Amino acid sequence: MNDATVPAFDEPLLVEDVMLLLFQPATGSIAGENILFYVLAGATLGDLTRQERIELREADAPTPRIHTLNAATAPDPVLLPGLEYIEQKPRAVQTVLAAIGPNLRAPVLDRLVERGDLTREKGKTLGIFPSTKLALGSDRRAVLIERVRSVLTDGETPDARTAVSIALLSASGTLPQFDGEIPWSGDVYTRAKAIERGDWGAAAASEAVTRTMTAVITNALIAGFVQPRS
């Protein structure tokens, strides 16, 4: 493939990182499919916060609401539907997650395939029915796994992207499925839960945007994962 045919994208989105981490190379499946839309929606809110397009205001309503902010550049096409939904009016986190999450799986997978991080391999089920299986197409997932592992097993302070990824994986209950790549233990569970609660460490939470993202993601986790289980 020559360079002219390779789509040009900016830095991978956080929601791409999370989807790529959830991809299971051995089976070609996505971990946590039953609550995937909450995970991807939470990551999308993280992306929009990082780009300073939204903020969480906790004092203007009984429950915190997400407001849009002015931005000089056009949003990424993957993020645009979510941003347009929030632009209609300030909304509670739970409402945003439920509205934007179900439509994220396909475009995020398409983006990963377009980047070359995943491939779609055609085959046949039972030797008869046409099927398509996802497979790894680059080493980027291995890089992401190593970042997560260094935080959870070696105690390194995460950058904001890695912290959000860990928080979402932890809240979704999928981390034990990574045992072959990230050894599962009580210490790993405890460290992941601390990050899920917003304890990212001083270095990761030093900037204003990151502090805001911590608030958005923490509230997204509470709205999307804790409440449905109660």
Protein backbone atom coordinates (compact mmCIF):
# COMPACT_ATOMS: atom_id res chain seq x y z
CA MET A 1 0.00 0.00 0.00
CA ASN A 2 1.48 3.38 -0.97
CA ASP A 3 1.27 6.50 1.16
CA ALA A 4 -1.38 8.08 -1.08
CA THR A 5 -3.91 5.42 -0.11
CA VAL A 6 -3.33 5.61 3.65
CA PRO A 7 -5.91 7.84 5.40
CA ALA A 8 -4.36 10.76 7.29
CA PHE A 9 -5.47 11.11 10.93
CA ASP A 10 -4.24 13.15 13.83
CA GLU A 11 -3.20 11.60 17.14
CA PRO A 12 -5.37 8.56 17.96
CA LEU A 13 -8.39 9.37 20.06
CA LEU A 14 -8.71 8.10 23.60
CA VAL A 15 -11.80 6.16 22.55
CA GLU A 16 -9.64 4.41 19.94
CA ASP A 17 -7.11 3.46 22.62
CA VAL A 18 -9.84 1.96 24.81
CA MET A 19 -11.39 -0.04 21.97
CA LEU A 20 -7.98 -1.32 20.89
CA LEU A 21 -7.16 -2.37 24.45
CA LEU A 22 -10.48 -4.22 24.71
CA PHE A 23 -9.78 -6.12 21.50
CA GLN A 24 -8.78 -9.71 22.30
CA PRO A 25 -6.28 -10.93 19.65
CA ALA A 26 -6.69 -14.62 20.47
CA THR A 27 -10.40 -14.64 19.64
CA GLY A 28 -10.91 -11.55 17.50
CA SER A 29 -13.60 -10.39 19.95
CA ILE A 30 -14.12 -7.27 22.06
CA ALA A 31 -14.08 -7.71 25.84
CA GLY A 32 -17.09 -6.41 27.74
CA GLU A 33 -19.50 -6.23 24.82
CA ASN A 34 -22.49 -6.13 27.18
CA ILE A 35 -21.54 -2.70 28.52
CA LEU A 36 -19.29 -1.54 25.69
CA PHE A 37 -21.42 1.49 24.89
CA TYR A 38 -20.86 2.91 28.40
CA VAL A 39 -17.11 2.41 28.09
CA LEU A 40 -16.85 4.03 24.67
CA ALA A 41 -19.15 6.89 25.66
CA GLY A 42 -17.03 7.56 28.75
CA ALA A 43 -13.87 7.60 26.62
CA THR A 44 -15.55 9.98 24.17
CA LEU A 45 -16.34 12.39 26.99
CA GLY A 46 -12.68 12.17 27.92
CA ASP A 47 -11.69 13.08 24.36
CA LEU A 48 -14.07 16.03 24.26
CA THR A 49 -12.74 17.24 27.60
CA ARG A 50 -9.12 16.92 26.48
CA GLN A 51 -9.99 19.06 23.45
CA GLU A 52 -11.64 21.62 25.78
CA ARG A 53 -15.00 21.21 24.04
CA ILE A 54 -17.03 20.28 27.12
CA GLU A 55 -16.94 20.81 30.86
CA LEU A 56 -18.85 19.43 33.83
CA ARG A 57 -20.64 22.02 35.94
CA GLU A 58 -21.66 20.67 39.29
CA ALA A 59 -23.34 23.72 40.85
CA ASP A 60 -26.03 24.64 38.34
CA ALA A 61 -28.38 21.66 38.80
CA PRO A 62 -29.23 18.92 41.32
CA THR A 63 -26.94 16.62 39.34
CA PRO A 64 -23.78 17.65 37.44
CA ARG A 65 -24.44 18.59 33.83
CA ILE A 66 -22.19 18.64 30.78
CA HIS A 67 -21.92 21.94 28.91
CA THR A 68 -20.22 22.63 25.59
CA LEU A 69 -17.40 25.14 25.19
CA ASN A 70 -16.38 27.13 22.15
CA ALA A 71 -13.52 25.66 20.14
CA ALA A 72 -11.62 27.07 17.18
CA THR A 73 -11.17 23.82 15.29
CA ALA A 74 -13.64 21.32 13.84
CA PRO A 75 -14.17 18.19 15.96
CA ASP A 76 -13.06 14.76 14.87
CA PRO A 77 -15.87 13.06 12.88
CA VAL A 78 -16.01 10.23 15.44
CA LEU A 79 -16.68 12.76 18.22
CA LEU A 80 -19.00 15.06 16.28
CA PRO A 81 -22.33 13.25 16.94
CA GLY A 82 -21.73 13.27 20.69
CA LEU A 83 -20.74 16.90 20.69
CA GLU A 84 -23.81 17.88 18.65
CA TYR A 85 -26.01 16.05 21.13
CA ILE A 86 -24.54 17.92 24.09
CA GLU A 87 -24.75 21.23 22.19
CA GLN A 88 -28.55 20.96 22.10
CA LYS A 89 -28.67 21.69 25.83
CA PRO A 90 -26.72 20.89 29.03
CA ARG A 91 -27.36 17.28 29.98
CA ALA A 92 -26.73 14.91 32.86
CA VAL A 93 -23.85 12.48 32.39
CA GLN A 94 -26.11 9.42 32.48
CA THR A 95 -28.27 10.88 29.70
CA VAL A 96 -25.26 11.59 27.50
CA LEU A 97 -23.78 8.12 27.99
CA ALA A 98 -27.03 6.39 27.06
CA ALA A 99 -27.58 8.58 24.01
CA ILE A 100 -24.13 8.57 22.36
CA GLY A 101 -22.74 5.19 23.42
CA PRO A 102 -24.76 2.77 21.26
CA ASN A 103 -23.59 4.42 18.02
CA LEU A 104 -19.85 4.41 18.72
CA ARG A 105 -18.80 0.78 18.19
CA ALA A 106 -18.89 0.74 14.39
CA PRO A 107 -17.18 4.08 13.65
CA VAL A 108 -14.43 3.46 16.22
CA LEU A 109 -13.69 0.01 14.77
CA ASP A 110 -13.71 1.51 11.27
CA ARG A 111 -11.18 4.12 12.40
CA LEU A 112 -8.88 1.47 13.86
CA VAL A 113 -9.06 -0.48 10.60
CA GLU A 114 -8.40 2.66 8.57
CA ARG A 115 -5.36 3.40 10.73
CA GLY A 116 -4.08 -0.13 10.25
CA ASP A 117 -4.23 -1.00 13.95
CA LEU A 118 -6.84 -3.68 13.16
CA THR A 119 -7.62 -5.64 10.01
CA ARG A 120 -10.76 -7.38 8.82
CA GLU A 121 -10.15 -10.90 7.58
CA LYS A 122 -12.85 -12.58 5.52
CA GLY A 123 -13.63 -16.24 6.10
CA LYS A 124 -16.48 -18.69 6.48
CA THR A 125 -18.35 -19.91 9.53
CA LEU A 126 -18.92 -23.68 9.52
CA GLY A 127 -17.19 -23.65 6.15
CA ILE A 128 -20.32 -22.22 4.54
CA PHE A 129 -21.43 -18.80 5.80
CA PRO A 130 -19.32 -15.72 4.93
CA SER A 131 -17.89 -14.02 8.00
CA THR A 132 -15.42 -11.31 8.93
CA LYS A 133 -12.91 -11.57 11.76
CA LEU A 134 -10.90 -8.76 13.29
CA ALA A 135 -7.15 -9.20 13.75
CA LEU A 136 -4.23 -7.04 14.85
CA GLY A 137 -2.62 -4.97 12.13
CA SER A 138 0.03 -3.06 14.11
CA ASP A 139 1.95 -3.13 17.38
CA ARG A 140 0.10 -0.16 18.91
CA ARG A 141 -2.05 -2.37 21.14
CA ALA A 142 1.11 -3.89 22.62
CA VAL A 143 2.39 -0.40 23.42
CA LEU A 144 -0.89 0.49 25.16
CA ILE A 145 -0.88 -2.76 27.14
CA GLU A 146 2.67 -2.06 28.31
CA ARG A 147 1.65 1.40 29.55
CA VAL A 148 -1.27 -0.04 31.49
CA ARG A 149 0.88 -2.84 32.92
CA SER A 150 3.61 -0.44 34.08
CA VAL A 151 1.03 1.52 36.06
CA LEU A 152 -0.83 -1.43 37.55
CA THR A 153 2.06 -3.78 38.29
CA ASP A 154 5.05 -1.42 38.66
CA GLY A 155 3.28 1.51 40.31
CA GLU A 156 4.25 4.12 37.73
CA THR A 157 2.24 7.35 37.64
CA PRO A 158 -0.03 7.27 34.60
CA ASP A 159 -0.43 9.97 32.02
CA ALA A 160 -4.02 11.18 31.62
CA ARG A 161 -4.80 8.95 28.63
CA THR A 162 -3.58 5.82 30.38
CA ALA A 163 -5.36 6.75 33.61
CA VAL A 164 -8.70 7.13 31.83
CA SER A 165 -8.17 3.87 29.97
CA ILE A 166 -7.47 2.03 33.23
CA ALA A 167 -10.45 3.65 34.96
CA LEU A 168 -12.79 2.52 32.20
CA LEU A 169 -11.37 -1.01 32.04
CA SER A 170 -11.61 -1.32 35.81
CA ALA A 171 -15.17 -0.02 36.01
CA SER A 172 -16.29 -2.29 33.18
CA GLY A 173 -14.99 -5.36 35.01
CA THR A 174 -12.87 -6.49 32.06
CA LEU A 175 -9.40 -6.23 33.63
CA PRO A 176 -9.29 -9.88 34.79
CA GLN A 177 -9.58 -10.91 31.13
CA PHE A 178 -6.15 -9.39 30.53
CA ASP A 179 -4.45 -11.80 32.94
CA GLY A 180 -2.15 -13.23 30.27
CA GLU A 181 -0.85 -9.76 29.50
CA ILE A 182 -1.35 -7.96 32.82
CA PRO A 183 -0.98 -10.43 35.72
CA TRP A 184 -4.16 -10.26 37.79
CA SER A 185 -3.75 -9.84 41.53
CA GLY A 186 -5.26 -8.13 44.54
CA ASP A 187 -2.70 -5.34 44.22
CA VAL A 188 -3.64 -4.77 40.58
CA TYR A 189 -7.32 -4.67 41.54
CA THR A 190 -6.65 -2.14 44.31
CA ARG A 191 -4.47 0.07 42.13
CA ALA A 192 -7.03 0.04 39.31
CA LYS A 193 -9.88 0.91 41.68
CA ALA A 194 -7.87 3.84 43.07
CA ILE A 195 -7.39 5.19 39.55
CA GLU A 196 -11.07 4.59 38.85
CA ARG A 197 -11.87 6.83 41.83
CA GLY A 198 -9.71 9.60 40.36
CA ASP A 199 -6.45 8.97 42.25
CA TRP A 200 -4.16 9.46 39.26
CA GLY A 201 -1.20 10.89 41.13
CA ALA A 202 0.05 14.46 41.32
CA ALA A 203 1.85 14.44 37.97
CA ALA A 204 -1.14 13.17 36.03
CA ALA A 205 -3.59 15.59 37.64
CA SER A 206 -1.48 18.73 37.56
CA GLU A 207 -3.09 20.50 34.60
CA ALA A 208 -6.50 22.15 34.63
CA VAL A 209 -7.77 20.19 31.63
CA THR A 210 -6.73 16.93 33.26
CA ARG A 211 -8.45 17.89 36.50
CA THR A 212 -11.61 18.59 34.52
CA MET A 213 -11.28 15.28 32.70
CA THR A 214 -10.93 13.54 36.05
CA ALA A 215 -14.23 15.05 37.15
CA VAL A 216 -15.99 14.14 33.90
CA ILE A 217 -14.73 10.56 33.84
CA THR A 218 -15.38 9.98 37.54
CA ASN A 219 -18.96 11.17 37.15
CA ALA A 220 -19.32 9.12 33.95
CA LEU A 221 -18.18 6.01 35.79
CA ILE A 222 -20.62 6.65 38.62
CA ALA A 223 -23.46 7.32 36.20
CA GLY A 224 -22.70 4.53 33.76
CA PHE A 225 -21.48 1.68 35.92
CA VAL A 226 -22.27 2.14 39.56
CA GLN A 227 -25.91 3.19 39.30
CA PRO A 228 -27.08 0.37 36.97
CA ARG A 229 -25.60 -2.21 39.32
CA SER A 230 -27.29 -0.87 42.46
